[in-house]
Amino acid sequence: MPTIPQHRLSIGTFYNPHLAQFTLDHPELIDHLAMADPPAQDDEFFPQIQQQFPLLLHDYLGQLSDPLSEFALQRARSLQDRYRSPWVAEHFQCLHTQDRSRSLDYVFPPLYTEGFLRRFCENAVVLRDAVGAPLVMENIPGFFSVRRAQMSEAEFLRRFFDQTGCGFLIDVPHIWLVAHHGGIDPQQYMADFPLDRVVEIHVAGVEYDRDLQGPWIAPVPPNEDILRLACWVAERTCKLRAVTLDVFSPSVTAAQLEDGLRRTRSAFAVASAAAS
C-alpha cells in the first residue's frame, strides 16, 4: 500500500468519488487522498484508488468532548485497518449536547475551559490507543466569545498537545475566517499557537455566504491570502508532512479541483524555493 513520503511534502486532496477517473489520471497533481466517507460498495474505482494513493483517515469518528462508544471505537479501528493511514484525524468540535437531545453544527467549537480540556485529552488518548496510530486534531472556527471560556484557543490547543502528544492538523481557512470576521490579523491571532506540533495543513476556498453576510468555506480553489497564510504556517513548523486541499462536495468540478491543486502546488513550490 502506498505511504506518505518522509523526504518531501505530500500535497493532496479529499477523495471525491464522482471525480475518481480524474484523480486516477492526474498522479502528478495528487500525492495523497483524505477519506471523509467510506467508499460506496458500488465504487468500481476505489480498489485502484487505494493501490495508487496513500489514504488519510479523516472521517467523523466521534465527539471527543464525550467518551466514545465501543461501536464508535470499533468503527474507527475498522477504517484504520482498511486505510492504513499514517495518522488519524478528528476535530475539536461539538456536534450534540451531552444528553444528545440537541444537535449543533460541525463548526461549533468547544468551550475553552478546564473541564472541556480534560475531557478532550482523556477521550483523544482513548481514540488514539484504539486505532493504534498517531492522532492529529483539527481546529474549528469560532466567531464569538463565550463568557464561560477560561482560556484562549491558543492556550487550549497548546495545553492539549502538551498533555496528549497528539499532532496538530491546522485548518488555515478556519483561522482566516476567524480573523476576517473578527477584524484581526491572522498571523497575530496565531502568535501563541503550537505550530511546532503541525503535521498537516488544510487549505480551501471561500465564497460569500448570504446567511453569514460574509465569506465561508466553499468547494472552490483557495485564494492567494489563504495560500500565503498556509505557507507562513509551514515556515514555522518542524514536523509538517502533508498539505491537503480540503474540498469534498458532489458539486466540485474536475476543473475546480485541478485549479485548486495547481494553485496549492505552485504556492508551496515558491515558498520552498524562497526558504532554500
Protein backbone atom coordinates (compact mmCIF):
# COMPACT_ATOMS: atom_id res chain seq x y z
CA MET A 1 0.00 0.00 0.00
CA PRO A 2 1.42 3.48 -0.86
CA THR A 3 2.70 5.60 2.02
CA ILE A 4 3.26 9.31 2.67
CA PRO A 5 6.88 10.11 1.71
CA GLN A 6 9.26 11.06 4.51
CA HIS A 7 11.67 13.12 2.40
CA ARG A 8 9.28 15.62 0.83
CA LEU A 9 5.99 17.42 1.44
CA SER A 10 2.95 15.45 0.28
CA ILE A 11 0.24 17.53 -1.41
CA GLY A 12 -3.18 16.00 -1.92
CA THR A 13 -6.91 16.45 -1.60
CA PHE A 14 -10.07 14.66 -0.45
CA TYR A 15 -11.42 11.71 -2.38
CA ASN A 16 -14.45 12.79 -4.39
CA PRO A 17 -15.95 9.61 -5.90
CA HIS A 18 -17.55 11.44 -8.84
CA LEU A 19 -14.05 12.64 -9.80
CA ALA A 20 -12.36 9.26 -9.38
CA GLN A 21 -11.30 8.96 -13.02
CA PHE A 22 -9.82 12.47 -12.97
CA THR A 23 -7.98 11.56 -9.77
CA LEU A 24 -6.50 8.40 -11.29
CA ASP A 25 -5.48 10.31 -14.42
CA HIS A 26 -3.57 13.03 -12.50
CA PRO A 27 -0.99 11.42 -10.20
CA GLU A 28 1.33 14.36 -10.92
CA LEU A 29 -1.10 16.62 -9.02
CA ILE A 30 -2.16 14.33 -6.17
CA ASP A 31 0.22 12.67 -3.71
CA HIS A 32 -2.40 11.51 -1.21
CA LEU A 33 -6.15 11.40 -0.61
CA ALA A 34 -8.11 12.11 2.57
CA MET A 35 -11.16 9.94 3.19
CA ALA A 36 -14.17 11.82 4.62
CA ASP A 37 -16.56 8.91 4.00
CA PRO A 38 -16.04 5.18 3.41
CA PRO A 39 -16.24 4.24 -0.28
CA ALA A 40 -19.59 3.04 -1.54
CA GLN A 41 -19.89 -0.68 -2.20
CA ASP A 42 -20.50 0.00 -5.89
CA ASP A 43 -17.46 2.31 -6.25
CA GLU A 44 -15.66 0.47 -9.05
CA PHE A 45 -12.72 2.91 -8.96
CA PHE A 46 -11.82 2.60 -5.28
CA PRO A 47 -9.66 -0.55 -5.46
CA GLN A 48 -7.41 1.20 -7.97
CA ILE A 49 -7.52 4.42 -5.93
CA GLN A 50 -6.29 2.54 -2.87
CA GLN A 51 -3.48 0.92 -4.83
CA GLN A 52 -2.30 4.24 -6.29
CA PHE A 53 -2.61 6.72 -3.40
CA PRO A 54 -1.83 6.84 0.33
CA LEU A 55 -5.10 7.35 2.22
CA LEU A 56 -5.61 9.60 5.25
CA LEU A 57 -8.44 8.70 7.62
CA HIS A 58 -10.46 11.89 8.11
CA ASP A 59 -13.94 10.51 8.73
CA TYR A 60 -16.11 11.60 11.67
CA LEU A 61 -15.09 9.17 14.39
CA GLY A 62 -16.75 10.72 17.41
CA GLN A 63 -17.25 13.82 19.54
CA LEU A 64 -14.19 13.85 21.77
CA SER A 65 -15.77 16.03 24.44
CA ASP A 66 -17.58 12.82 25.46
CA PRO A 67 -16.48 9.18 25.81
CA LEU A 68 -16.71 7.23 22.56
CA SER A 69 -18.95 4.19 22.46
CA GLU A 70 -17.49 0.78 21.78
CA PHE A 71 -19.29 0.85 18.42
CA ALA A 72 -17.55 4.14 17.51
CA LEU A 73 -14.16 2.79 18.57
CA GLN A 74 -14.69 -0.42 16.61
CA ARG A 75 -15.70 1.57 13.53
CA ALA A 76 -12.56 3.71 13.86
CA ARG A 77 -10.40 0.60 14.17
CA SER A 78 -12.04 -0.95 11.11
CA LEU A 79 -11.50 2.16 8.99
CA GLN A 80 -7.87 2.40 10.07
CA ASP A 81 -7.33 -1.29 9.33
CA ARG A 82 -8.68 -0.64 5.84
CA TYR A 83 -6.82 2.58 5.02
CA ARG A 84 -3.56 2.11 6.98
CA SER A 85 -3.42 5.88 7.41
CA PRO A 86 -0.10 7.25 8.73
CA TRP A 87 -2.18 9.32 11.16
CA VAL A 88 -5.86 9.57 12.05
CA ALA A 89 -7.67 12.94 12.18
CA GLU A 90 -10.52 14.29 14.27
CA HIS A 91 -11.85 17.78 15.06
CA PHE A 92 -12.10 19.94 18.16
CA GLN A 93 -15.83 20.00 17.51
CA CYS A 94 -19.10 19.68 19.36
CA LEU A 95 -21.97 18.20 17.38
CA HIS A 96 -24.53 17.49 20.07
CA THR A 97 -25.28 18.10 23.72
CA GLN A 98 -24.24 15.58 26.35
CA ASP A 99 -27.76 14.17 26.62
CA ARG A 100 -27.91 14.08 22.78
CA SER A 101 -31.25 15.89 22.84
CA ARG A 102 -29.91 18.77 20.72
CA SER A 103 -27.73 18.75 17.63
CA LEU A 104 -25.40 21.59 16.80
CA ASP A 105 -23.27 22.30 13.73
CA TYR A 106 -19.97 20.69 12.73
CA VAL A 107 -18.24 24.05 13.05
CA PHE A 108 -19.21 24.69 16.68
CA PRO A 109 -16.04 24.69 18.82
CA PRO A 110 -15.80 23.51 22.44
CA LEU A 111 -15.86 25.88 25.36
CA TYR A 112 -12.27 26.67 26.21
CA THR A 113 -12.49 25.58 29.85
CA GLU A 114 -10.55 23.30 32.17
CA GLY A 115 -13.37 20.78 32.04
CA PHE A 116 -13.52 20.60 28.27
CA LEU A 117 -9.73 20.42 28.07
CA ARG A 118 -9.65 17.46 30.46
CA ARG A 119 -12.41 15.66 28.56
CA PHE A 120 -10.81 16.18 25.15
CA CYS A 121 -7.44 14.97 26.44
CA GLU A 122 -8.88 11.82 28.03
CA ASN A 123 -11.01 10.83 25.07
CA ALA A 124 -8.37 11.64 22.46
CA VAL A 125 -5.95 9.25 24.15
CA VAL A 126 -8.62 6.53 24.17
CA LEU A 127 -9.25 7.01 20.44
CA ARG A 128 -5.54 7.06 19.62
CA ASP A 129 -4.92 3.86 21.55
CA ALA A 130 -7.95 2.18 19.97
CA VAL A 131 -6.80 2.79 16.39
CA GLY A 132 -3.15 2.12 17.15
CA ALA A 133 -1.96 5.11 15.13
CA PRO A 134 -0.94 8.74 15.77
CA LEU A 135 -3.88 11.12 16.22
CA VAL A 136 -3.98 14.65 14.81
CA MET A 137 -6.62 17.17 15.82
CA GLU A 138 -8.10 19.92 13.63
CA ASN A 139 -9.05 23.38 14.87
CA ILE A 140 -12.62 24.66 14.50
CA PRO A 141 -13.52 28.31 13.72
CA GLY A 142 -15.32 30.43 16.29
CA PHE A 143 -16.97 33.78 15.66
CA PHE A 144 -17.94 34.93 19.13
CA SER A 145 -16.52 34.87 22.64
CA VAL A 146 -18.28 32.96 25.40
CA ARG A 147 -18.17 34.36 28.92
CA ARG A 148 -17.64 30.91 30.35
CA ALA A 149 -14.35 30.49 28.48
CA GLN A 150 -11.42 30.20 30.89
CA MET A 151 -8.59 30.41 28.35
CA SER A 152 -7.83 31.41 24.78
CA GLU A 153 -7.98 28.97 21.88
CA ALA A 154 -4.19 29.13 21.67
CA GLU A 155 -3.78 28.11 25.32
CA PHE A 156 -6.36 25.35 24.96
CA LEU A 157 -4.53 23.93 21.92
CA ARG A 158 -1.09 24.26 23.46
CA ARG A 159 -2.07 22.50 26.67
CA PHE A 160 -3.97 19.78 24.80
CA PHE A 161 -0.98 18.91 22.60
CA ASP A 162 1.42 19.09 25.55
CA GLN A 163 -0.71 16.68 27.58
CA THR A 164 -1.56 14.18 24.84
CA GLY A 165 1.42 14.26 22.47
CA CYS A 166 -1.02 14.35 19.54
CA GLY A 167 -0.25 16.14 16.30
CA PHE A 168 -1.87 19.33 15.02
CA LEU A 169 -3.87 19.42 11.78
CA ILE A 170 -4.18 23.16 11.27
CA ASP A 171 -7.06 24.28 9.10
CA VAL A 172 -5.79 27.58 7.69
CA PRO A 173 -9.14 28.69 6.18
CA HIS A 174 -10.69 28.30 9.64
CA ILE A 175 -8.06 30.68 11.01
CA TRP A 176 -8.55 33.06 8.09
CA LEU A 177 -12.31 33.14 8.70
CA VAL A 178 -11.93 33.82 12.42
CA ALA A 179 -9.56 36.68 11.63
CA HIS A 180 -11.72 38.07 8.84
CA HIS A 181 -14.97 38.09 10.81
CA GLY A 182 -13.19 39.30 13.96
CA GLY A 183 -11.31 42.09 12.20
CA ILE A 184 -7.91 40.88 13.41
CA ASP A 185 -4.64 39.90 11.79
CA PRO A 186 -4.47 36.10 11.30
CA GLN A 187 -0.73 35.90 11.95
CA GLN A 188 -1.15 37.83 15.18
CA TYR A 189 -4.04 35.54 16.15
CA MET A 190 -1.75 32.53 15.73
CA ALA A 191 1.16 34.10 17.61
CA ASP A 192 0.80 31.67 20.53
CA PHE A 193 -0.44 28.65 18.56
CA PRO A 194 1.66 25.46 18.95
CA LEU A 195 2.80 25.46 15.31
CA ASP A 196 5.67 23.15 16.20
CA ARG A 197 3.02 20.40 16.53
CA VAL A 198 1.67 20.80 12.98
CA VAL A 199 1.71 17.58 10.94
CA GLU A 200 -0.81 18.51 8.25
CA ILE A 201 -2.19 21.76 6.79
CA HIS A 202 -5.61 22.16 5.22
CA VAL A 203 -6.26 24.80 2.58
CA ALA A 204 -9.61 25.56 0.95
CA GLY A 205 -11.56 28.20 -0.91
CA VAL A 206 -14.19 30.62 0.36
CA GLU A 207 -17.25 32.29 -1.17
CA TYR A 208 -19.79 34.85 0.01
CA ASP A 209 -22.46 33.29 2.22
CA ARG A 210 -25.83 35.06 2.31
CA ASP A 211 -26.70 33.85 5.83
CA LEU A 212 -23.39 34.99 7.31
CA GLN A 213 -23.25 38.02 5.02
CA GLY A 214 -19.59 37.28 4.51
CA PRO A 215 -17.17 34.60 3.32
CA TRP A 216 -17.41 30.94 4.27
CA ILE A 217 -15.83 27.66 3.16
CA ALA A 218 -16.88 26.63 -0.37
CA PRO A 219 -15.80 23.99 -2.93
CA VAL A 220 -13.73 26.47 -4.93
CA PRO A 221 -9.95 26.95 -5.30
CA PRO A 222 -8.18 28.69 -2.39
CA ASN A 223 -7.44 32.40 -2.78
CA GLU A 224 -3.98 33.94 -2.56
CA ASP A 225 -4.48 35.22 1.00
CA ILE A 226 -5.22 31.73 2.31
CA LEU A 227 -2.31 30.17 0.42
CA ARG A 228 0.11 32.84 1.66
CA LEU A 229 -1.08 32.26 5.21
CA ALA A 230 -0.66 28.50 4.80
CA CYS A 231 2.91 28.99 3.58
CA TRP A 232 3.58 31.29 6.54
CA VAL A 233 2.43 28.49 8.86
CA ALA A 234 4.57 25.93 7.00
CA GLU A 235 7.68 28.06 7.53
CA ARG A 236 7.13 27.81 11.29
CA THR A 237 6.65 24.05 11.51
CA CYS A 238 9.20 21.30 12.01
CA LYS A 239 7.01 18.18 11.64
CA LEU A 240 4.92 19.09 8.58
CA ARG A 241 4.26 16.07 6.36
CA ALA A 242 1.25 16.98 4.22
CA VAL A 243 -0.86 19.76 2.74
CA THR A 244 -4.43 18.82 1.83
CA LEU A 245 -6.81 20.77 -0.38
CA ASP A 246 -9.98 20.44 1.68
CA VAL A 247 -12.68 20.12 -0.94
CA PHE A 248 -15.26 17.37 -0.56
CA SER A 249 -18.52 18.03 -2.37
CA PRO A 250 -20.60 16.48 -5.16
CA SER A 251 -20.73 19.94 -6.74
CA VAL A 252 -16.98 20.37 -7.21
CA THR A 253 -15.89 20.00 -10.82
CA ALA A 254 -12.73 18.49 -12.24
CA ALA A 255 -11.69 21.94 -13.45
CA GLN A 256 -12.10 23.44 -9.96
CA LEU A 257 -10.19 20.59 -8.35
CA GLU A 258 -7.35 20.86 -10.87
CA ASP A 259 -7.16 24.64 -10.44
CA GLY A 260 -7.07 24.31 -6.66
CA LEU A 261 -4.35 21.67 -6.72
CA ARG A 262 -2.21 23.62 -9.18
CA ARG A 263 -2.53 26.80 -7.09
CA THR A 264 -1.61 24.90 -3.93
CA ARG A 265 1.39 23.22 -5.52
CA SER A 266 2.59 26.48 -7.01
CA ALA A 267 2.31 28.35 -3.69
CA PHE A 268 4.28 25.75 -1.73
CA ALA A 269 6.87 25.37 -4.51
CA VAL A 270 7.52 29.11 -4.35
CA ALA A 271 7.68 29.01 -0.54
CA SER A 272 10.12 26.07 -0.61
CA ALA A 273 12.33 27.82 -3.13
CA ALA A 274 12.37 31.00 -1.05
CA ALA A 275 13.24 29.03 2.09
CA SER A 276 16.18 27.30 0.40
